[in-house]
Amino acid sequence: MRSSPSKPRRTPENAPQSESRSADAKRRGFLLALGAGGIGAAALAARSLPGTAPAAAADGSAAPAGEGYRETDHVKRYYQTAKT
């Protein structure tokens, strides 16, 4: 059932300027606080994890041999099929 509204709905076109500005500011403040809280929680969680990231080598050497990209037979086959 539909009921006829007693007051016209306020839309951004007919809302008073001061009311819409304060609502926008409240929304922005809420979203800013939500984002900052999320970043803080992520930083705290990452800090509390025990040694998940390997420490960088002091002498500046590259990654140990055997790690990283390797061009294996199935990769070579893919490259061949991608050429055609």
PDB file of N, CA and C in Angstrom:
ATOM      1  N   MET A   1       0.821  -1.179   0.000  1.00  0.00           N
ATOM      2  CA  MET A   1       0.000   0.000   0.000  1.00  0.00           C
ATOM      3  C   MET A   1       0.866   1.243   0.000  1.00  0.00           C
ATOM      4  N   ARG A   2       0.404   2.195  -0.713  1.00  0.00           N
ATOM      5  CA  ARG A   2       1.105   3.465  -0.743  1.00  0.00           C
ATOM      6  C   ARG A   2       0.402   4.464   0.152  1.00  0.00           C
ATOM      7  N   SER A   3       1.207   5.205   0.845  1.00  0.00           N
ATOM      8  CA  SER A   3       0.630   6.287   1.633  1.00  0.00           C
ATOM      9  C   SER A   3       1.193   7.592   1.113  1.00  0.00           C
ATOM     10  N   SER A   4       0.374   8.598   1.079  1.00  0.00           N
ATOM     11  CA  SER A   4       0.855   9.876   0.575  1.00  0.00           C
ATOM     12  C   SER A   4       1.663  10.568   1.663  1.00  0.00           C
ATOM     13  N   PRO A   5       2.827  11.030   1.306  1.00  0.00           N
ATOM     14  CA  PRO A   5       3.662  11.689   2.312  1.00  0.00           C
ATOM     15  C   PRO A   5       3.068  13.038   2.714  1.00  0.00           C
ATOM     16  N   SER A   6       3.184  13.345   3.985  1.00  0.00           N
ATOM     17  CA  SER A   6       2.639  14.609   4.468  1.00  0.00           C
ATOM     18  C   SER A   6       3.584  15.763   4.162  1.00  0.00           C
ATOM     19  N   LYS A   7       4.887  15.470   4.089  1.00  0.00           N
ATOM     20  CA  LYS A   7       5.873  16.493   3.773  1.00  0.00           C
ATOM     21  C   LYS A   7       6.620  16.079   2.509  1.00  0.00           C
ATOM     22  N   PRO A   8       7.000  17.022   1.692  1.00  0.00           N
ATOM     23  CA  PRO A   8       7.800  16.651   0.515  1.00  0.00           C
ATOM     24  C   PRO A   8       9.183  16.197   0.957  1.00  0.00           C
ATOM     25  N   ARG A   9       9.701  15.202   0.252  1.00  0.00           N
ATOM     26  CA  ARG A   9      11.046  14.700   0.565  1.00  0.00           C
ATOM     27  C   ARG A   9      12.079  15.747   0.232  1.00  0.00           C
ATOM     28  N   ARG A  10      13.104  15.778   1.050  1.00  0.00           N
ATOM     29  CA  ARG A  10      14.194  16.697   0.769  1.00  0.00           C
ATOM     30  C   ARG A  10      15.188  16.025  -0.147  1.00  0.00           C
ATOM     31  N   THR A  11      15.487  16.671  -1.197  1.00  0.00           N
ATOM     32  CA  THR A  11      16.492  16.205  -2.138  1.00  0.00           C
ATOM     33  C   THR A  11      17.622  17.220  -2.133  1.00  0.00           C
ATOM     34  N   PRO A  12      18.750  16.882  -2.688  1.00  0.00           N
ATOM     35  CA  PRO A  12      19.856  17.853  -2.700  1.00  0.00           C
ATOM     36  C   PRO A  12      19.475  19.177  -3.361  1.00  0.00           C
ATOM     37  N   GLU A  13      18.514  19.167  -4.279  1.00  0.00           N
ATOM     38  CA  GLU A  13      18.127  20.397  -4.961  1.00  0.00           C
ATOM     39  C   GLU A  13      17.367  21.340  -4.037  1.00  0.00           C
ATOM     40  N   ASN A  14      16.501  20.813  -3.145  1.00  0.00           N
ATOM     41  CA  ASN A  14      15.692  21.694  -2.320  1.00  0.00           C
ATOM     42  C   ASN A  14      16.104  21.697  -0.849  1.00  0.00           C
ATOM     43  N   ALA A  15      17.230  21.086  -0.511  1.00  0.00           N
ATOM     44  CA  ALA A  15      17.712  21.090   0.870  1.00  0.00           C
ATOM     45  C   ALA A  15      18.423  22.407   1.155  1.00  0.00           C
ATOM     46  N   PRO A  16      18.313  22.903   2.369  1.00  0.00           N
ATOM     47  CA  PRO A  16      19.048  24.121   2.717  1.00  0.00           C
ATOM     48  C   PRO A  16      20.550  23.887   2.634  1.00  0.00           C
ATOM     49  N   GLN A  17      21.284  24.912   2.234  1.00  0.00           N
ATOM     50  CA  GLN A  17      22.720  24.783   2.029  1.00  0.00           C
ATOM     51  C   GLN A  17      23.458  24.413   3.304  1.00  0.00           C
ATOM     52  N   SER A  18      23.148  25.046   4.410  1.00  0.00           N
ATOM     53  CA  SER A  18      23.896  24.776   5.645  1.00  0.00           C
ATOM     54  C   SER A  18      23.679  23.348   6.122  1.00  0.00           C
ATOM     55  N   GLU A  19      22.470  22.833   5.947  1.00  0.00           N
ATOM     56  CA  GLU A  19      22.177  21.462   6.377  1.00  0.00           C
ATOM     57  C   GLU A  19      22.923  20.441   5.523  1.00  0.00           C
ATOM     58  N   SER A  20      22.965  20.646   4.211  1.00  0.00           N
ATOM     59  CA  SER A  20      23.653  19.687   3.345  1.00  0.00           C
ATOM     60  C   SER A  20      25.161  19.754   3.539  1.00  0.00           C
ATOM     61  N   ARG A  21      25.695  20.942   3.817  1.00  0.00           N
ATOM     62  CA  ARG A  21      27.133  21.059   4.036  1.00  0.00           C
ATOM     63  C   ARG A  21      27.556  20.367   5.318  1.00  0.00           C
ATOM     64  N   SER A  22      26.753  20.506   6.362  1.00  0.00           N
ATOM     65  CA  SER A  22      27.125  19.856   7.619  1.00  0.00           C
ATOM     66  C   SER A  22      27.006  18.339   7.502  1.00  0.00           C
ATOM     67  N   ALA A  23      26.014  17.867   6.753  1.00  0.00           N
ATOM     68  CA  ALA A  23      25.877  16.421   6.550  1.00  0.00           C
ATOM     69  C   ALA A  23      27.054  15.879   5.749  1.00  0.00           C
ATOM     70  N   ASP A  24      27.481  16.645   4.724  1.00  0.00           N
ATOM     71  CA  ASP A  24      28.634  16.223   3.930  1.00  0.00           C
ATOM     72  C   ASP A  24      29.893  16.193   4.778  1.00  0.00           C
ATOM     73  N   ALA A  25      30.065  17.187   5.632  1.00  0.00           N
ATOM     74  CA  ALA A  25      31.236  17.230   6.497  1.00  0.00           C
ATOM     75  C   ALA A  25      31.233  16.070   7.480  1.00  0.00           C
ATOM     76  N   LYS A  26      30.072  15.721   7.989  1.00  0.00           N
ATOM     77  CA  LYS A  26      29.977  14.586   8.913  1.00  0.00           C
ATOM     78  C   LYS A  26      30.332  13.290   8.194  1.00  0.00           C
ATOM     79  N   ARG A  27      29.850  13.130   6.969  1.00  0.00           N
ATOM     80  CA  ARG A  27      30.166  11.920   6.203  1.00  0.00           C
ATOM     81  C   ARG A  27      31.655  11.828   5.918  1.00  0.00           C
ATOM     82  N   ARG A  28      32.242  12.944   5.520  1.00  0.00           N
ATOM     83  CA  ARG A  28      33.674  12.948   5.234  1.00  0.00           C
ATOM     84  C   ARG A  28      34.486  12.625   6.470  1.00  0.00           C
ATOM     85  N   GLY A  29      34.091  13.195   7.596  1.00  0.00           N
ATOM     86  CA  GLY A  29      34.793  12.915   8.850  1.00  0.00           C
ATOM     87  C   GLY A  29      34.681  11.453   9.242  1.00  0.00           C
ATOM     88  N   PHE A  30      33.499  10.881   9.046  1.00  0.00           N
ATOM     89  CA  PHE A  30      33.300   9.473   9.368  1.00  0.00           C
ATOM     90  C   PHE A  30      34.160   8.588   8.477  1.00  0.00           C
ATOM     91  N   LEU A  31      34.155   8.868   7.183  1.00  0.00           N
ATOM     92  CA  LEU A  31      34.946   8.050   6.265  1.00  0.00           C
ATOM     93  C   LEU A  31      36.437   8.210   6.515  1.00  0.00           C
ATOM     94  N   LEU A  32      36.857   9.408   6.869  1.00  0.00           N
ATOM     95  CA  LEU A  32      38.262   9.629   7.186  1.00  0.00           C
ATOM     96  C   LEU A  32      38.660   8.844   8.432  1.00  0.00           C
ATOM     97  N   ALA A  33      37.814   8.884   9.455  1.00  0.00           N
ATOM     98  CA  ALA A  33      38.107   8.144  10.685  1.00  0.00           C
ATOM     99  C   ALA A  33      38.094   6.641  10.429  1.00  0.00           C
ATOM    100  N   LEU A  34      37.176   6.188   9.603  1.00  0.00           N
ATOM    101  CA  LEU A  34      37.096   4.774   9.272  1.00  0.00           C
ATOM    102  C   LEU A  34      38.358   4.322   8.543  1.00  0.00           C
ATOM    103  N   GLY A  35      38.820   5.105   7.585  1.00  0.00           N
ATOM    104  CA  GLY A  35      40.032   4.759   6.844  1.00  0.00           C
ATOM    105  C   GLY A  35      41.261   4.788   7.727  1.00  0.00           C
ATOM    106  N   ALA A  36      41.373   5.812   8.563  1.00  0.00           N
ATOM    107  CA  ALA A  36      42.536   5.917   9.451  1.00  0.00           C
ATOM    108  C   ALA A  36      42.538   4.781  10.467  1.00  0.00           C
ATOM    109  N   GLY A  37      41.372   4.424  10.961  1.00  0.00           N
ATOM    110  CA  GLY A  37      41.285   3.306  11.905  1.00  0.00           C
ATOM    111  C   GLY A  37      41.669   1.991  11.248  1.00  0.00           C
ATOM    112  N   GLY A  38      41.262   1.810  10.006  1.00  0.00           N
ATOM    113  CA  GLY A  38      41.617   0.591   9.285  1.00  0.00           C
ATOM    114  C   GLY A  38      43.109   0.495   9.023  1.00  0.00           C
ATOM    115  N   ILE A  39      43.708   1.611   8.667  1.00  0.00           N
ATOM    116  CA  ILE A  39      45.153   1.625   8.437  1.00  0.00           C
ATOM    117  C   ILE A  39      45.899   1.343   9.734  1.00  0.00           C
ATOM    118  N   GLY A  40      45.437   1.935  10.813  1.00  0.00           N
ATOM    119  CA  GLY A  40      46.073   1.701  12.110  1.00  0.00           C
ATOM    120  C   GLY A  40      45.959   0.251  12.542  1.00  0.00           C
ATOM    121  N   ALA A  41      44.787  -0.337  12.325  1.00  0.00           N
ATOM    122  CA  ALA A  41      44.593  -1.738  12.699  1.00  0.00           C
ATOM    123  C   ALA A  41      45.480  -2.657  11.850  1.00  0.00           C
ATOM    124  N   ALA A  42      45.602  -2.346  10.572  1.00  0.00           N
ATOM    125  CA  ALA A  42      46.454  -3.160   9.698  1.00  0.00           C
ATOM    126  C   ALA A  42      47.923  -3.049  10.106  1.00  0.00           C
ATOM    127  N   ALA A  43      48.348  -1.837  10.459  1.00  0.00           N
ATOM    128  CA  ALA A  43      49.737  -1.650  10.881  1.00  0.00           C
ATOM    129  C   ALA A  43      50.017  -2.395  12.180  1.00  0.00           C
ATOM    130  N   LEU A  44      49.072  -2.347  13.089  1.00  0.00           N
ATOM    131  CA  LEU A  44      49.240  -3.051  14.354  1.00  0.00           C
ATOM    132  C   LEU A  44      49.272  -4.562  14.139  1.00  0.00           C
ATOM    133  N   ALA A  45      48.412  -5.058  13.271  1.00  0.00           N
ATOM    134  CA  ALA A  45      48.392  -6.491  12.990  1.00  0.00           C
ATOM    135  C   ALA A  45      49.680  -6.931  12.309  1.00  0.00           C
ATOM    136  N   ALA A  46      50.171  -6.133  11.383  1.00  0.00           N
ATOM    137  CA  ALA A  46      51.407  -6.484  10.684  1.00  0.00           C
ATOM    138  C   ALA A  46      52.599  -6.455  11.636  1.00  0.00           C
ATOM    139  N   ARG A  47      52.574  -5.536  12.566  1.00  0.00           N
ATOM    140  CA  ARG A  47      53.678  -5.432  13.523  1.00  0.00           C
ATOM    141  C   ARG A  47      53.709  -6.610  14.485  1.00  0.00           C
ATOM    142  N   SER A  48      52.527  -7.138  14.798  1.00  0.00           N
ATOM    143  CA  SER A  48      52.469  -8.223  15.770  1.00  0.00           C
ATOM    144  C   SER A  48      52.774  -9.590  15.171  1.00  0.00           C
ATOM    145  N   LEU A  49      52.847  -9.692  13.836  1.00  0.00           N
ATOM    146  CA  LEU A  49      53.187 -10.965  13.211  1.00  0.00           C
ATOM    147  C   LEU A  49      54.668 -11.261  13.415  1.00  0.00           C
ATOM    148  N   PRO A  50      55.001 -12.478  13.784  1.00  0.00           N
ATOM    149  CA  PRO A  50      56.412 -12.802  14.044  1.00  0.00           C
ATOM    150  C   PRO A  50      57.199 -13.047  12.763  1.00  0.00           C
ATOM    151  N   GLY A  51      58.087 -12.162  12.418  1.00  0.00           N
ATOM    152  CA  GLY A  51      59.059 -12.346  11.337  1.00  0.00           C
ATOM    153  C   GLY A  51      58.533 -12.893  10.046  1.00  0.00           C
ATOM    154  N   THR A  52      57.511 -12.319   9.462  1.00  0.00           N
ATOM    155  CA  THR A  52      56.998 -12.840   8.202  1.00  0.00           C
ATOM    156  C   THR A  52      57.815 -12.360   7.017  1.00  0.00           C
ATOM    157  N   ALA A  53      58.398 -11.174   7.092  1.00  0.00           N
ATOM    158  CA  ALA A  53      59.192 -10.660   5.978  1.00  0.00           C
ATOM    159  C   ALA A  53      60.665 -10.944   6.234  1.00  0.00           C
ATOM    160  N   PRO A  54      61.364 -11.486   5.234  1.00  0.00           N
ATOM    161  CA  PRO A  54      62.798 -11.739   5.432  1.00  0.00           C
ATOM    162  C   PRO A  54      63.552 -10.420   5.479  1.00  0.00           C
ATOM    163  N   ALA A  55      64.574 -10.381   6.292  1.00  0.00           N
ATOM    164  CA  ALA A  55      65.399  -9.180   6.410  1.00  0.00           C
ATOM    165  C   ALA A  55      66.256  -9.021   5.166  1.00  0.00           C
ATOM    166  N   ALA A  56      66.494  -7.800   4.776  1.00  0.00           N
ATOM    167  CA  ALA A  56      67.318  -7.527   3.603  1.00  0.00           C
ATOM    168  C   ALA A  56      68.777  -7.826   3.934  1.00  0.00           C
ATOM    169  N   ALA A  57      69.497  -8.296   2.932  1.00  0.00           N
ATOM    170  CA  ALA A  57      70.909  -8.613   3.135  1.00  0.00           C
ATOM    171  C   ALA A  57      71.693  -7.327   3.343  1.00  0.00           C
ATOM    172  N   ALA A  58      72.609  -7.343   4.268  1.00  0.00           N
ATOM    173  CA  ALA A  58      73.384  -6.152   4.595  1.00  0.00           C
ATOM    174  C   ALA A  58      74.356  -5.779   3.490  1.00  0.00           C
ATOM    175  N   ASP A  59      74.866  -6.779   2.750  1.00  0.00           N
ATOM    176  CA  ASP A  59      75.846  -6.489   1.717  1.00  0.00           C
ATOM    177  C   ASP A  59      75.209  -6.094   0.385  1.00  0.00           C
ATOM    178  N   GLY A  60      73.881  -6.070   0.291  1.00  0.00           N
ATOM    179  CA  GLY A  60      73.192  -5.656  -0.922  1.00  0.00           C
ATOM    180  C   GLY A  60      73.177  -6.705  -2.005  1.00  0.00           C
ATOM    181  N   SER A  61      73.414  -7.963  -1.662  1.00  0.00           N
ATOM    182  CA  SER A  61      73.413  -9.011  -2.674  1.00  0.00           C
ATOM    183  C   SER A  61      71.989  -9.285  -3.146  1.00  0.00           C
ATOM    184  N   ALA A  62      71.883  -9.860  -4.319  1.00  0.00           N
ATOM    185  CA  ALA A  62      70.586 -10.173  -4.909  1.00  0.00           C
ATOM    186  C   ALA A  62      69.990 -11.400  -4.220  1.00  0.00           C
ATOM    187  N   ALA A  63      68.832 -11.811  -4.681  1.00  0.00           N
ATOM    188  CA  ALA A  63      68.146 -12.976  -4.121  1.00  0.00           C
ATOM    189  C   ALA A  63      69.008 -14.223  -4.310  1.00  0.00           C
ATOM    190  N   PRO A  64      68.906 -15.188  -3.430  1.00  0.00           N
ATOM    191  CA  PRO A  64      69.690 -16.419  -3.558  1.00  0.00           C
ATOM    192  C   PRO A  64      69.397 -17.127  -4.880  1.00  0.00           C
ATOM    193  N   ALA A  65      70.379 -17.871  -5.356  1.00  0.00           N
ATOM    194  CA  ALA A  65      70.232 -18.587  -6.619  1.00  0.00           C
ATOM    195  C   ALA A  65      69.086 -19.592  -6.525  1.00  0.00           C
ATOM    196  N   GLY A  66      68.374 -19.753  -7.622  1.00  0.00           N
ATOM    197  CA  GLY A  66      67.289 -20.716  -7.651  1.00  0.00           C
ATOM    198  C   GLY A  66      65.932 -20.093  -7.346  1.00  0.00           C
ATOM    199  N   GLU A  67      65.897 -18.842  -6.949  1.00  0.00           N
ATOM    200  CA  GLU A  67      64.629 -18.175  -6.689  1.00  0.00           C
ATOM    201  C   GLU A  67      64.366 -17.165  -7.788  1.00  0.00           C
ATOM    202  N   GLY A  68      63.112 -16.877  -7.991  1.00  0.00           N
ATOM    203  CA  GLY A  68      62.752 -15.876  -8.991  1.00  0.00           C
ATOM    204  C   GLY A  68      62.246 -16.521 -10.270  1.00  0.00           C
ATOM    205  N   TYR A  69      62.263 -15.754 -11.337  1.00  0.00           N
ATOM    206  CA  TYR A  69      61.720 -16.196 -12.619  1.00  0.00           C
ATOM    207  C   TYR A  69      62.632 -17.219 -13.275  1.00  0.00           C
ATOM    208  N   ARG A  70      62.030 -18.291 -13.738  1.00  0.00           N
ATOM    209  CA  ARG A  70      62.758 -19.306 -14.498  1.00  0.00           C
ATOM    210  C   ARG A  70      61.969 -19.632 -15.751  1.00  0.00           C
ATOM    211  N   GLU A  71      62.635 -19.699 -16.863  1.00  0.00           N
ATOM    212  CA  GLU A  71      61.969 -20.024 -18.114  1.00  0.00           C
ATOM    213  C   GLU A  71      61.998 -21.532 -18.304  1.00  0.00           C
ATOM    214  N   THR A  72      60.918 -22.188 -17.906  1.00  0.00           N
ATOM    215  CA  THR A  72      60.831 -23.641 -17.990  1.00  0.00           C
ATOM    216  C   THR A  72      60.208 -24.037 -19.323  1.00  0.00           C
ATOM    217  N   ASP A  73      60.119 -25.344 -19.549  1.00  0.00           N
ATOM    218  CA  ASP A  73      59.585 -25.838 -20.821  1.00  0.00           C
ATOM    219  C   ASP A  73      58.145 -25.394 -21.055  1.00  0.00           C
ATOM    220  N   HIS A  74      57.311 -25.459 -20.015  1.00  0.00           N
ATOM    221  CA  HIS A  74      55.916 -25.070 -20.239  1.00  0.00           C
ATOM    222  C   HIS A  74      55.793 -23.567 -20.495  1.00  0.00           C
ATOM    223  N   VAL A  75      56.705 -22.762 -19.952  1.00  0.00           N
ATOM    224  CA  VAL A  75      56.698 -21.327 -20.228  1.00  0.00           C
ATOM    225  C   VAL A  75      57.134 -21.089 -21.668  1.00  0.00           C
ATOM    226  N   LYS A  76      58.132 -21.822 -22.122  1.00  0.00           N
ATOM    227  CA  LYS A  76      58.577 -21.694 -23.510  1.00  0.00           C
ATOM    228  C   LYS A  76      57.464 -22.084 -24.474  1.00  0.00           C
ATOM    229  N   ARG A  77      56.721 -23.158 -24.141  1.00  0.00           N
ATOM    230  CA  ARG A  77      55.589 -23.559 -24.988  1.00  0.00           C
ATOM    231  C   ARG A  77      54.537 -22.458 -25.033  1.00  0.00           C
ATOM    232  N   TYR A  78      54.274 -21.832 -23.907  1.00  0.00           N
ATOM    233  CA  TYR A  78      53.301 -20.740 -23.880  1.00  0.00           C
ATOM    234  C   TYR A  78      53.749 -19.592 -24.784  1.00  0.00           C
ATOM    235  N   TYR A  79      55.018 -19.225 -24.707  1.00  0.00           N
ATOM    236  CA  TYR A  79      55.528 -18.158 -25.536  1.00  0.00           C
ATOM    237  C   TYR A  79      55.375 -18.498 -27.015  1.00  0.00           C
ATOM    238  N   GLN A  80      55.608 -19.743 -27.372  1.00  0.00           N
ATOM    239  CA  GLN A  80      55.465 -20.160 -28.755  1.00  0.00           C
ATOM    240  C   GLN A  80      54.007 -20.045 -29.212  1.00  0.00           C
ATOM    241  N   THR A  81      53.071 -20.461 -28.375  1.00  0.00           N
ATOM    242  CA  THR A  81      51.665 -20.385 -28.770  1.00  0.00           C
ATOM    243  C   THR A  81      51.173 -18.943 -28.771  1.00  0.00           C
ATOM    244  N   ALA A  82      51.746 -18.093 -27.946  1.00  0.00           N
ATOM    245  CA  ALA A  82      51.316 -16.708 -27.901  1.00  0.00           C
ATOM    246  C   ALA A  82      51.808 -15.914 -29.111  1.00  0.00           C
ATOM    247  N   LYS A  83      52.907 -16.367 -29.717  1.00  0.00           N
ATOM    248  CA  LYS A  83      53.442 -15.684 -30.904  1.00  0.00           C
ATOM    249  C   LYS A  83      52.498 -15.821 -32.076  1.00  0.00           C
ATOM    250  N   THR A  84      51.873 -16.969 -32.218  1.00  0.00           N
ATOM    251  CA  THR A  84      51.034 -17.222 -33.388  1.00  0.00           C
ATOM    252  C   THR A  84      49.628 -16.757 -33.218  1.00  0.00           C
TER     253      THR A  84
END
